[in-house]
């Protein structure tokens, strides 16, 4: 079990380190559109999306650090991508851990 957990952790760390590769991609990111981009693509915004568009605001919009939204610095952008990946892993891992504890207790 320890070897499996170690390999899983190594895989997660590699994915976190490779997260900034998205900065090298050309064009837009598929599926990360706001209502204005959807309106541009479809000509309209679906009613359900329009109704729910203000419910959630990302903690790190566009994977940018606070105050660095307009920064074009690749190292700063890469750091923000890595920080976003770490936050995502910690939040998802924590939720899965506590859900697993709850399920194991019942």
Protein backbone atom coordinates (compact mmCIF):
# COMPACT_ATOMS: atom_id res chain seq x y z
CA UNK A 1 0.00 0.00 0.00
CA UNK A 2 2.87 2.39 0.73
CA UNK A 3 4.36 1.88 -2.74
CA UNK A 4 1.00 2.63 -4.38
CA UNK A 5 0.57 5.81 -2.31
CA UNK A 6 4.12 6.89 -3.14
CA UNK A 7 3.56 6.35 -6.87
CA UNK A 8 0.28 8.26 -6.67
CA UNK A 9 2.00 11.17 -4.92
CA UNK A 10 4.80 11.20 -7.51
CA UNK A 11 2.19 11.27 -10.29
CA UNK A 12 0.37 14.19 -8.67
CA UNK A 13 3.59 16.16 -8.23
CA UNK A 14 4.49 15.57 -11.88
CA UNK A 15 1.07 16.79 -13.00
CA UNK A 16 1.41 19.88 -10.81
CA UNK A 17 4.84 20.63 -12.27
CA UNK A 18 3.56 20.13 -15.83
CA UNK A 19 0.49 22.35 -15.33
CA UNK A 20 2.18 25.47 -16.79
CA UNK A 21 2.57 23.71 -20.15
CA UNK A 22 -0.83 25.21 -20.94
CA UNK A 23 0.90 28.59 -21.20
CA UNK A 24 2.68 27.39 -24.32
CA UNK A 25 -0.56 26.47 -26.09
CA UNK A 26 -1.80 28.67 -28.90
CA UNK A 27 -5.42 29.81 -29.05
CA UNK A 28 -8.13 29.57 -26.44
CA UNK A 29 -8.79 26.95 -23.81
CA UNK A 30 -11.72 24.71 -24.68
CA UNK A 31 -14.61 24.95 -22.24
CA UNK A 32 -13.28 27.83 -20.14
CA UNK A 33 -15.64 30.35 -21.68
CA UNK A 34 -17.60 33.04 -19.91
CA UNK A 35 -21.06 34.07 -21.02
CA UNK A 36 -19.62 36.75 -23.32
CA UNK A 37 -17.51 34.19 -25.23
CA UNK A 38 -20.47 31.82 -25.49
CA UNK A 39 -22.63 34.63 -26.86
CA UNK A 40 -19.92 35.36 -29.41
CA UNK A 41 -19.76 31.68 -30.47
CA UNK A 42 -23.47 30.77 -30.36
CA UNK A 43 -25.11 34.12 -30.86
CA UNK A 44 -26.97 33.80 -27.56
CA UNK A 45 -26.45 32.76 -23.96
CA UNK A 46 -28.51 29.76 -22.78
CA UNK A 47 -31.07 30.79 -20.17
CA UNK A 48 -29.75 28.49 -17.43
CA UNK A 49 -26.17 29.69 -17.89
CA UNK A 50 -27.26 33.31 -17.82
CA UNK A 51 -29.19 32.69 -14.60
CA UNK A 52 -26.26 30.96 -12.86
CA UNK A 53 -23.38 33.03 -14.25
CA UNK A 54 -23.00 35.17 -11.12
CA UNK A 55 -23.18 32.31 -8.60
CA UNK A 56 -19.47 31.45 -8.62
CA UNK A 57 -16.36 33.60 -8.93
CA UNK A 58 -13.04 31.81 -9.23
CA UNK A 59 -10.57 32.43 -6.39
CA UNK A 60 -7.72 32.80 -8.94
CA UNK A 61 -9.41 34.04 -12.15
CA UNK A 62 -7.45 33.13 -15.28
CA UNK A 63 -4.94 31.37 -12.99
CA UNK A 64 -3.45 34.76 -12.09
CA UNK A 65 -2.10 35.75 -8.70
CA UNK A 66 -3.87 38.69 -7.03
CA UNK A 67 -2.50 41.91 -8.50
CA UNK A 68 -0.83 40.08 -11.39
CA UNK A 69 -3.79 39.85 -13.75
CA UNK A 70 -2.09 41.97 -16.40
CA UNK A 71 1.34 40.41 -16.01
CA UNK A 72 2.86 38.86 -19.11
CA UNK A 73 5.80 37.41 -17.17
CA UNK A 74 6.10 33.70 -17.95
CA UNK A 75 7.71 32.76 -14.59
CA UNK A 76 4.98 34.61 -12.66
CA UNK A 77 2.27 33.01 -14.78
CA UNK A 78 3.85 29.58 -14.31
CA UNK A 79 3.94 30.12 -10.54
CA UNK A 80 0.24 31.03 -10.59
CA UNK A 81 -0.57 27.85 -12.59
CA UNK A 82 1.38 25.73 -10.11
CA UNK A 83 -0.31 27.43 -7.16
CA UNK A 84 -3.71 26.78 -8.76
CA UNK A 85 -2.79 23.12 -9.24
CA UNK A 86 -1.63 22.78 -5.62
CA UNK A 87 -4.82 24.41 -4.34
CA UNK A 88 -6.91 22.10 -6.53
CA UNK A 89 -5.09 18.99 -5.30
CA UNK A 90 -5.39 20.04 -1.65
CA UNK A 91 -9.10 20.90 -1.91
CA UNK A 92 -10.04 17.76 -3.87
CA UNK A 93 -7.80 15.53 -1.76
CA UNK A 94 -9.24 16.97 1.44
CA UNK A 95 -12.81 16.48 0.27
CA UNK A 96 -12.09 12.89 -0.78
CA UNK A 97 -10.30 12.20 2.50
CA UNK A 98 -13.17 13.42 4.64
CA UNK A 99 -15.78 11.75 2.44
CA UNK A 100 -13.83 8.49 2.70
CA UNK A 101 -13.64 8.80 6.49
CA UNK A 102 -17.39 9.39 6.65
CA UNK A 103 -18.16 6.43 4.40
CA UNK A 104 -15.78 4.16 6.36
CA UNK A 105 -17.43 5.18 9.64
CA UNK A 106 -20.97 4.35 8.46
